[in-house]
PDB file of N, CA and C in Angstrom:
ATOM      1  N   MET A   1      -2.657   7.510  -4.390  1.00  0.00           N
ATOM      2  CA  MET A   1      -2.778   8.614  -3.469  1.00  0.00           C
ATOM      3  C   MET A   1      -2.242   8.161  -2.110  1.00  0.00           C
ATOM      4  N   LYS A   2      -1.513   9.029  -1.446  1.00  0.00           N
ATOM      5  CA  LYS A   2      -0.976   8.722  -0.124  1.00  0.00           C
ATOM      6  C   LYS A   2      -1.609   9.663   0.893  1.00  0.00           C
ATOM      7  N   VAL A   3      -2.072   9.097   2.003  1.00  0.00           N
ATOM      8  CA  VAL A   3      -2.688   9.876   3.068  1.00  0.00           C
ATOM      9  C   VAL A   3      -1.786   9.796   4.293  1.00  0.00           C
ATOM     10  N   ASN A   4      -1.337  10.944   4.786  1.00  0.00           N
ATOM     11  CA  ASN A   4      -0.518  11.010   5.992  1.00  0.00           C
ATOM     12  C   ASN A   4      -1.329  11.681   7.090  1.00  0.00           C
ATOM     13  N   PRO A   5      -1.730  10.934   8.117  1.00  0.00           N
ATOM     14  CA  PRO A   5      -2.485  11.533   9.219  1.00  0.00           C
ATOM     15  C   PRO A   5      -1.626  12.558   9.959  1.00  0.00           C
ATOM     16  N   ILE A   6      -2.282  13.556  10.537  1.00  0.00           N
ATOM     17  CA  ILE A   6      -1.560  14.543  11.336  1.00  0.00           C
ATOM     18  C   ILE A   6      -2.093  14.520  12.766  1.00  0.00           C
ATOM     19  N   GLY A   7      -1.293  15.035  13.683  1.00  0.00           N
ATOM     20  CA  GLY A   7      -1.708  15.088  15.079  1.00  0.00           C
ATOM     21  C   GLY A   7      -1.883  13.708  15.678  1.00  0.00           C
ATOM     22  N   ASP A   8      -3.003  13.516  16.381  1.00  0.00           N
ATOM     23  CA  ASP A   8      -3.251  12.249  17.079  1.00  0.00           C
ATOM     24  C   ASP A   8      -4.125  11.297  16.273  1.00  0.00           C
ATOM     25  N   ARG A   9      -4.065  11.410  14.960  1.00  0.00           N
ATOM     26  CA  ARG A   9      -4.920  10.569  14.112  1.00  0.00           C
ATOM     27  C   ARG A   9      -4.168   9.354  13.586  1.00  0.00           C
ATOM     28  N   VAL A  10      -4.950   8.293  13.327  1.00  0.00           N
ATOM     29  CA  VAL A  10      -4.416   7.013  12.865  1.00  0.00           C
ATOM     30  C   VAL A  10      -5.228   6.593  11.641  1.00  0.00           C
ATOM     31  N   LEU A  11      -4.550   6.155  10.577  1.00  0.00           N
ATOM     32  CA  LEU A  11      -5.211   5.652   9.373  1.00  0.00           C
ATOM     33  C   LEU A  11      -5.270   4.134   9.463  1.00  0.00           C
ATOM     34  N   VAL A  12      -6.487   3.587   9.418  1.00  0.00           N
ATOM     35  CA  VAL A  12      -6.705   2.150   9.582  1.00  0.00           C
ATOM     36  C   VAL A  12      -7.325   1.582   8.315  1.00  0.00           C
ATOM     37  N   LYS A  13      -6.735   0.501   7.803  1.00  0.00           N
ATOM     38  CA  LYS A  13      -7.313  -0.214   6.660  1.00  0.00           C
ATOM     39  C   LYS A  13      -8.367  -1.158   7.203  1.00  0.00           C
ATOM     40  N   LEU A  14      -9.600  -1.006   6.745  1.00  0.00           N
ATOM     41  CA  LEU A  14     -10.706  -1.819   7.250  1.00  0.00           C
ATOM     42  C   LEU A  14     -10.591  -3.261   6.771  1.00  0.00           C
ATOM     43  N   GLU A  15     -10.966  -4.186   7.641  1.00  0.00           N
ATOM     44  CA  GLU A  15     -10.994  -5.594   7.264  1.00  0.00           C
ATOM     45  C   GLU A  15     -12.204  -5.839   6.375  1.00  0.00           C
ATOM     46  N   GLU A  16     -12.017  -6.710   5.397  1.00  0.00           N
ATOM     47  CA  GLU A  16     -13.126  -7.034   4.501  1.00  0.00           C
ATOM     48  C   GLU A  16     -14.066  -8.014   5.183  1.00  0.00           C
ATOM     49  N   VAL A  17     -15.359  -7.815   4.965  1.00  0.00           N
ATOM     50  CA  VAL A  17     -16.386  -8.654   5.577  1.00  0.00           C
ATOM     51  C   VAL A  17     -16.665  -9.845   4.678  1.00  0.00           C
ATOM     52  N   GLU A  18     -16.821 -11.008   5.289  1.00  0.00           N
ATOM     53  CA  GLU A  18     -17.163 -12.208   4.532  1.00  0.00           C
ATOM     54  C   GLU A  18     -18.546 -12.025   3.909  1.00  0.00           C
ATOM     55  N   GLU A  19     -18.647 -12.330   2.628  1.00  0.00           N
ATOM     56  CA  GLU A  19     -19.920 -12.193   1.928  1.00  0.00           C
ATOM     57  C   GLU A  19     -20.670 -13.514   1.847  1.00  0.00           C
ATOM     58  N   LYS A  20     -20.027 -14.571   2.319  1.00  0.00           N
ATOM     59  CA  LYS A  20     -20.622 -15.894   2.218  1.00  0.00           C
ATOM     60  C   LYS A  20     -20.339 -16.661   3.502  1.00  0.00           C
ATOM     61  N   THR A  21     -21.320 -17.412   3.985  1.00  0.00           N
ATOM     62  CA  THR A  21     -21.127 -18.219   5.192  1.00  0.00           C
ATOM     63  C   THR A  21     -20.328 -19.476   4.842  1.00  0.00           C
ATOM     64  N   ALA A  22     -19.933 -20.209   5.857  1.00  0.00           N
ATOM     65  CA  ALA A  22     -19.168 -21.441   5.651  1.00  0.00           C
ATOM     66  C   ALA A  22     -19.962 -22.472   4.849  1.00  0.00           C
ATOM     67  N   SER A  23     -21.288 -22.422   4.959  1.00  0.00           N
ATOM     68  CA  SER A  23     -22.123 -23.382   4.226  1.00  0.00           C
ATOM     69  C   SER A  23     -22.466 -22.913   2.816  1.00  0.00           C
ATOM     70  N   GLY A  24     -21.980 -21.714   2.435  1.00  0.00           N
ATOM     71  CA  GLY A  24     -22.164 -21.247   1.064  1.00  0.00           C
ATOM     72  C   GLY A  24     -23.311 -20.273   0.849  1.00  0.00           C
ATOM     73  N   ILE A  25     -23.951 -19.828   1.914  1.00  0.00           N
ATOM     74  CA  ILE A  25     -25.063 -18.881   1.777  1.00  0.00           C
ATOM     75  C   ILE A  25     -24.494 -17.472   1.660  1.00  0.00           C
ATOM     76  N   PHE A  26     -24.944 -16.719   0.648  1.00  0.00           N
ATOM     77  CA  PHE A  26     -24.488 -15.352   0.452  1.00  0.00           C
ATOM     78  C   PHE A  26     -25.241 -14.394   1.371  1.00  0.00           C
ATOM     79  N   ILE A  27     -24.518 -13.462   1.971  1.00  0.00           N
ATOM     80  CA  ILE A  27     -25.110 -12.479   2.881  1.00  0.00           C
ATOM     81  C   ILE A  27     -25.146 -11.135   2.161  1.00  0.00           C
ATOM     82  N   PRO A  28     -26.338 -10.543   1.984  1.00  0.00           N
ATOM     83  CA  PRO A  28     -26.393  -9.236   1.317  1.00  0.00           C
ATOM     84  C   PRO A  28     -25.710  -8.161   2.156  1.00  0.00           C
ATOM     85  N   GLN A  29     -25.176  -7.128   1.483  1.00  0.00           N
ATOM     86  CA  GLN A  29     -24.450  -6.075   2.192  1.00  0.00           C
ATOM     87  C   GLN A  29     -25.300  -5.397   3.252  1.00  0.00           C
ATOM     88  N   THR A  30     -26.590  -5.284   3.031  1.00  0.00           N
ATOM     89  CA  THR A  30     -27.460  -4.616   4.000  1.00  0.00           C
ATOM     90  C   THR A  30     -27.567  -5.402   5.299  1.00  0.00           C
ATOM     91  N   ALA A  31     -27.299  -6.702   5.258  1.00  0.00           N
ATOM     92  CA  ALA A  31     -27.400  -7.534   6.456  1.00  0.00           C
ATOM     93  C   ALA A  31     -26.049  -7.744   7.132  1.00  0.00           C
ATOM     94  N   GLN A  32     -24.983  -7.300   6.506  1.00  0.00           N
ATOM     95  CA  GLN A  32     -23.650  -7.504   7.072  1.00  0.00           C
ATOM     96  C   GLN A  32     -23.368  -6.466   8.143  1.00  0.00           C
ATOM     97  N   GLU A  33     -22.749  -6.922   9.219  1.00  0.00           N
ATOM     98  CA  GLU A  33     -22.372  -6.020  10.300  1.00  0.00           C
ATOM     99  C   GLU A  33     -20.966  -5.501  10.024  1.00  0.00           C
ATOM    100  N   LYS A  34     -20.760  -4.191  10.227  1.00  0.00           N
ATOM    101  CA  LYS A  34     -19.444  -3.607  10.024  1.00  0.00           C
ATOM    102  C   LYS A  34     -18.470  -4.147  11.060  1.00  0.00           C
ATOM    103  N   THR A  35     -17.261  -4.452  10.605  1.00  0.00           N
ATOM    104  CA  THR A  35     -16.248  -4.885  11.555  1.00  0.00           C
ATOM    105  C   THR A  35     -15.710  -3.672  12.289  1.00  0.00           C
ATOM    106  N   GLN A  36     -15.126  -3.895  13.424  1.00  0.00           N
ATOM    107  CA  GLN A  36     -14.532  -2.822  14.204  1.00  0.00           C
ATOM    108  C   GLN A  36     -13.047  -3.070  14.386  1.00  0.00           C
ATOM    109  N   THR A  37     -12.469  -3.787  13.435  1.00  0.00           N
ATOM    110  CA  THR A  37     -11.041  -4.057  13.481  1.00  0.00           C
ATOM    111  C   THR A  37     -10.419  -3.727  12.137  1.00  0.00           C
ATOM    112  N   GLY A  38      -9.127  -3.469  12.175  1.00  0.00           N
ATOM    113  CA  GLY A  38      -8.404  -3.174  10.950  1.00  0.00           C
ATOM    114  C   GLY A  38      -6.908  -3.125  11.212  1.00  0.00           C
ATOM    115  N   ILE A  39      -6.160  -2.874  10.156  1.00  0.00           N
ATOM    116  CA  ILE A  39      -4.699  -2.822  10.223  1.00  0.00           C
ATOM    117  C   ILE A  39      -4.259  -1.364  10.121  1.00  0.00           C
ATOM    118  N   VAL A  40      -3.397  -0.942  11.039  1.00  0.00           N
ATOM    119  CA  VAL A  40      -2.873   0.427  11.028  1.00  0.00           C
ATOM    120  C   VAL A  40      -1.987   0.599   9.797  1.00  0.00           C
ATOM    121  N   GLU A  41      -2.305   1.587   8.970  1.00  0.00           N
ATOM    122  CA  GLU A  41      -1.530   1.883   7.769  1.00  0.00           C
ATOM    123  C   GLU A  41      -0.540   3.014   8.008  1.00  0.00           C
ATOM    124  N   ALA A  42      -0.958   4.042   8.750  1.00  0.00           N
ATOM    125  CA  ALA A  42      -0.101   5.200   9.008  1.00  0.00           C
ATOM    126  C   ALA A  42      -0.563   5.870  10.296  1.00  0.00           C
ATOM    127  N   VAL A  43       0.357   6.591  10.939  1.00  0.00           N
ATOM    128  CA  VAL A  43       0.032   7.288  12.184  1.00  0.00           C
ATOM    129  C   VAL A  43       0.482   8.737  12.089  1.00  0.00           C
ATOM    130  N   GLY A  44      -0.161   9.590  12.886  1.00  0.00           N
ATOM    131  CA  GLY A  44       0.192  11.006  12.946  1.00  0.00           C
ATOM    132  C   GLY A  44       1.480  11.225  13.718  1.00  0.00           C
ATOM    133  N   ASP A  45       1.793  12.503  13.951  1.00  0.00           N
ATOM    134  CA  ASP A  45       3.067  12.847  14.570  1.00  0.00           C
ATOM    135  C   ASP A  45       2.962  13.197  16.054  1.00  0.00           C
ATOM    136  N   ASP A  46       1.826  12.906  16.665  1.00  0.00           N
ATOM    137  CA  ASP A  46       1.627  13.215  18.085  1.00  0.00           C
ATOM    138  C   ASP A  46       2.340  12.183  18.947  1.00  0.00           C
ATOM    139  N   GLU A  47       2.895  12.617  20.074  1.00  0.00           N
ATOM    140  CA  GLU A  47       3.619  11.715  20.974  1.00  0.00           C
ATOM    141  C   GLU A  47       2.704  10.736  21.700  1.00  0.00           C
ATOM    142  N   SER A  48       1.404  11.012  21.750  1.00  0.00           N
ATOM    143  CA  SER A  48       0.467  10.148  22.472  1.00  0.00           C
ATOM    144  C   SER A  48       0.092   8.880  21.702  1.00  0.00           C
ATOM    145  N   ILE A  49       0.514   8.762  20.458  1.00  0.00           N
ATOM    146  CA  ILE A  49       0.153   7.602  19.642  1.00  0.00           C
ATOM    147  C   ILE A  49       0.983   6.389  20.082  1.00  0.00           C
ATOM    148  N   THR A  50       0.279   5.307  20.411  1.00  0.00           N
ATOM    149  CA  THR A  50       0.945   4.105  20.930  1.00  0.00           C
ATOM    150  C   THR A  50       0.843   2.910  19.984  1.00  0.00           C
ATOM    151  N   VAL A  51       0.302   3.106  18.794  1.00  0.00           N
ATOM    152  CA  VAL A  51       0.223   2.018  17.819  1.00  0.00           C
ATOM    153  C   VAL A  51       1.209   2.297  16.689  1.00  0.00           C
ATOM    154  N   LYS A  52       1.544   1.212  15.961  1.00  0.00           N
ATOM    155  CA  LYS A  52       2.504   1.314  14.869  1.00  0.00           C
ATOM    156  C   LYS A  52       1.885   0.730  13.612  1.00  0.00           C
ATOM    157  N   PRO A  53       2.331   1.190  12.437  1.00  0.00           N
ATOM    158  CA  PRO A  53       1.838   0.590  11.191  1.00  0.00           C
ATOM    159  C   PRO A  53       2.056  -0.925  11.187  1.00  0.00           C
ATOM    160  N   GLY A  54       1.042  -1.634  10.697  1.00  0.00           N
ATOM    161  CA  GLY A  54       1.095  -3.090  10.631  1.00  0.00           C
ATOM    162  C   GLY A  54       0.379  -3.790  11.773  1.00  0.00           C
ATOM    163  N   GLN A  55       0.076  -3.061  12.847  1.00  0.00           N
ATOM    164  CA  GLN A  55      -0.626  -3.680  13.973  1.00  0.00           C
ATOM    165  C   GLN A  55      -2.123  -3.765  13.690  1.00  0.00           C
ATOM    166  N   LYS A  56      -2.742  -4.830  14.186  1.00  0.00           N
ATOM    167  CA  LYS A  56      -4.197  -4.989  14.075  1.00  0.00           C
ATOM    168  C   LYS A  56      -4.816  -4.348  15.310  1.00  0.00           C
ATOM    169  N   VAL A  57      -5.812  -3.490  15.094  1.00  0.00           N
ATOM    170  CA  VAL A  57      -6.431  -2.773  16.201  1.00  0.00           C
ATOM    171  C   VAL A  57      -7.949  -2.897  16.161  1.00  0.00           C
ATOM    172  N   MET A  58      -8.554  -2.664  17.324  1.00  0.00           N
ATOM    173  CA  MET A  58     -10.009  -2.570  17.449  1.00  0.00           C
ATOM    174  C   MET A  58     -10.317  -1.115  17.785  1.00  0.00           C
ATOM    175  N   TYR A  59     -11.330  -0.559  17.124  1.00  0.00           N
ATOM    176  CA  TYR A  59     -11.675   0.840  17.329  1.00  0.00           C
ATOM    177  C   TYR A  59     -13.154   0.970  17.677  1.00  0.00           C
ATOM    178  N   ASP A  60     -13.509   2.135  18.208  1.00  0.00           N
ATOM    179  CA  ASP A  60     -14.883   2.423  18.610  1.00  0.00           C
ATOM    180  C   ASP A  60     -15.816   2.325  17.406  1.00  0.00           C
ATOM    181  N   LYS A  61     -17.011   1.802  17.609  1.00  0.00           N
ATOM    182  CA  LYS A  61     -17.959   1.544  16.528  1.00  0.00           C
ATOM    183  C   LYS A  61     -18.327   2.783  15.714  1.00  0.00           C
ATOM    184  N   TYR A  62     -18.480   3.919  16.355  1.00  0.00           N
ATOM    185  CA  TYR A  62     -18.923   5.123  15.644  1.00  0.00           C
ATOM    186  C   TYR A  62     -17.794   6.114  15.417  1.00  0.00           C
ATOM    187  N   ALA A  63     -16.565   5.653  15.456  1.00  0.00           N
ATOM    188  CA  ALA A  63     -15.404   6.541  15.377  1.00  0.00           C
ATOM    189  C   ALA A  63     -14.998   6.827  13.935  1.00  0.00           C
ATOM    190  N   GLY A  64     -14.373   7.969  13.765  1.00  0.00           N
ATOM    191  CA  GLY A  64     -13.646   8.287  12.548  1.00  0.00           C
ATOM    192  C   GLY A  64     -14.446   8.646  11.317  1.00  0.00           C
ATOM    193  N   THR A  65     -13.681   8.830  10.252  1.00  0.00           N
ATOM    194  CA  THR A  65     -14.215   9.198   8.946  1.00  0.00           C
ATOM    195  C   THR A  65     -13.759   8.157   7.934  1.00  0.00           C
ATOM    196  N   THR A  66     -14.706   7.577   7.199  1.00  0.00           N
ATOM    197  CA  THR A  66     -14.382   6.575   6.192  1.00  0.00           C
ATOM    198  C   THR A  66     -13.960   7.269   4.902  1.00  0.00           C
ATOM    199  N   ILE A  67     -12.838   6.816   4.336  1.00  0.00           N
ATOM    200  CA  ILE A  67     -12.357   7.352   3.061  1.00  0.00           C
ATOM    201  C   ILE A  67     -11.929   6.189   2.176  1.00  0.00           C
ATOM    202  N   LYS A  68     -11.815   6.438   0.864  1.00  0.00           N
ATOM    203  CA  LYS A  68     -11.296   5.439  -0.072  1.00  0.00           C
ATOM    204  C   LYS A  68      -9.925   5.904  -0.520  1.00  0.00           C
ATOM    205  N   VAL A  69      -8.942   5.010  -0.400  1.00  0.00           N
ATOM    206  CA  VAL A  69      -7.586   5.293  -0.851  1.00  0.00           C
ATOM    207  C   VAL A  69      -7.196   4.187  -1.816  1.00  0.00           C
ATOM    208  N   ASP A  70      -6.983   4.539  -3.066  1.00  0.00           N
ATOM    209  CA  ASP A  70      -6.638   3.559  -4.103  1.00  0.00           C
ATOM    210  C   ASP A  70      -7.640   2.411  -4.150  1.00  0.00           C
ATOM    211  N   GLY A  71      -8.915   2.722  -3.991  1.00  0.00           N
ATOM    212  CA  GLY A  71      -9.977   1.723  -4.071  1.00  0.00           C
ATOM    213  C   GLY A  71     -10.195   0.903  -2.815  1.00  0.00           C
ATOM    214  N   LYS A  72      -9.431   1.165  -1.752  1.00  0.00           N
ATOM    215  CA  LYS A  72      -9.579   0.413  -0.502  1.00  0.00           C
ATOM    216  C   LYS A  72     -10.246   1.288   0.542  1.00  0.00           C
ATOM    217  N   ASP A  73     -11.122   0.670   1.343  1.00  0.00           N
ATOM    218  CA  ASP A  73     -11.791   1.401   2.414  1.00  0.00           C
ATOM    219  C   ASP A  73     -10.840   1.607   3.583  1.00  0.00           C
ATOM    220  N   MET A  74     -10.711   2.862   4.009  1.00  0.00           N
ATOM    221  CA  MET A  74      -9.854   3.221   5.131  1.00  0.00           C
ATOM    222  C   MET A  74     -10.676   4.044   6.121  1.00  0.00           C
ATOM    223  N   LEU A  75     -10.198   4.104   7.347  1.00  0.00           N
ATOM    224  CA  LEU A  75     -10.861   4.877   8.385  1.00  0.00           C
ATOM    225  C   LEU A  75      -9.807   5.752   9.058  1.00  0.00           C
ATOM    226  N   LEU A  76     -10.105   7.021   9.174  1.00  0.00           N
ATOM    227  CA  LEU A  76      -9.220   7.968   9.844  1.00  0.00           C
ATOM    228  C   LEU A  76      -9.817   8.237  11.221  1.00  0.00           C
ATOM    229  N   VAL A  77      -9.129   7.766  12.282  1.00  0.00           N
ATOM    230  CA  VAL A  77      -9.648   7.866  13.652  1.00  0.00           C
ATOM    231  C   VAL A  77      -8.647   8.571  14.557  1.00  0.00           C
ATOM    232  N   ARG A  78      -9.148   9.099  15.652  1.00  0.00           N
ATOM    233  CA  ARG A  78      -8.265   9.661  16.684  1.00  0.00           C
ATOM    234  C   ARG A  78      -7.702   8.499  17.505  1.00  0.00           C
ATOM    235  N   MET A  79      -6.524   8.699  18.052  1.00  0.00           N
ATOM    236  CA  MET A  79      -5.896   7.665  18.875  1.00  0.00           C
ATOM    237  C   MET A  79      -6.803   7.279  20.041  1.00  0.00           C
ATOM    238  N   SER A  80      -7.555   8.227  20.580  1.00  0.00           N
ATOM    239  CA  SER A  80      -8.439   7.938  21.711  1.00  0.00           C
ATOM    240  C   SER A  80      -9.585   6.997  21.330  1.00  0.00           C
ATOM    241  N   ASP A  81      -9.863   6.847  20.016  1.00  0.00           N
ATOM    242  CA  ASP A  81     -10.908   5.940  19.568  1.00  0.00           C
ATOM    243  C   ASP A  81     -10.392   4.517  19.341  1.00  0.00           C
ATOM    244  N   VAL A  82      -9.073   4.332  19.404  1.00  0.00           N
ATOM    245  CA  VAL A  82      -8.495   2.992  19.282  1.00  0.00           C
ATOM    246  C   VAL A  82      -8.585   2.362  20.671  1.00  0.00           C
ATOM    247  N   MET A  83      -9.282   1.228  20.766  1.00  0.00           N
ATOM    248  CA  MET A  83      -9.560   0.619  22.063  1.00  0.00           C
ATOM    249  C   MET A  83      -8.585  -0.488  22.433  1.00  0.00           C
ATOM    250  N   ALA A  84      -8.005  -1.180  21.429  1.00  0.00           N
ATOM    251  CA  ALA A  84      -7.138  -2.313  21.748  1.00  0.00           C
ATOM    252  C   ALA A  84      -6.242  -2.648  20.577  1.00  0.00           C
ATOM    253  N   ILE A  85      -5.103  -3.260  20.887  1.00  0.00           N
ATOM    254  CA  ILE A  85      -4.221  -3.848  19.892  1.00  0.00           C
ATOM    255  C   ILE A  85      -4.482  -5.348  19.935  1.00  0.00           C
ATOM    256  N   ILE A  86      -4.736  -5.947  18.795  1.00  0.00           N
ATOM    257  CA  ILE A  86      -5.053  -7.375  18.717  1.00  0.00           C
ATOM    258  C   ILE A  86      -3.805  -8.134  18.257  1.00  0.00           C
ATOM    259  N   GLU A  87      -3.400  -9.114  19.060  1.00  0.00           N
ATOM    260  CA  GLU A  87      -2.205  -9.904  18.723  1.00  0.00           C
ATOM    261  C   GLU A  87      -2.590 -11.327  18.409  1.00  0.00           C
TER     262      GLU A  87
END
């Protein structure tokens, strides 16, 4: 399935959370904190969008709508919810 954002929306592939610490202790999903970073997969057609596919971005903690695309967790957010480009 292919998702093409429209307007000022950006599709972000969520980063996977480590399930195990460096010392080998497993962390249950209920105790894991959601990451607020991901990789831009696609962007809408609005001129205000300043990110490009492939860039790593940080977004607002409560932003967007989580969806599954081909079994991967994605987040559809407005450009205004993208806070930074991480290099």
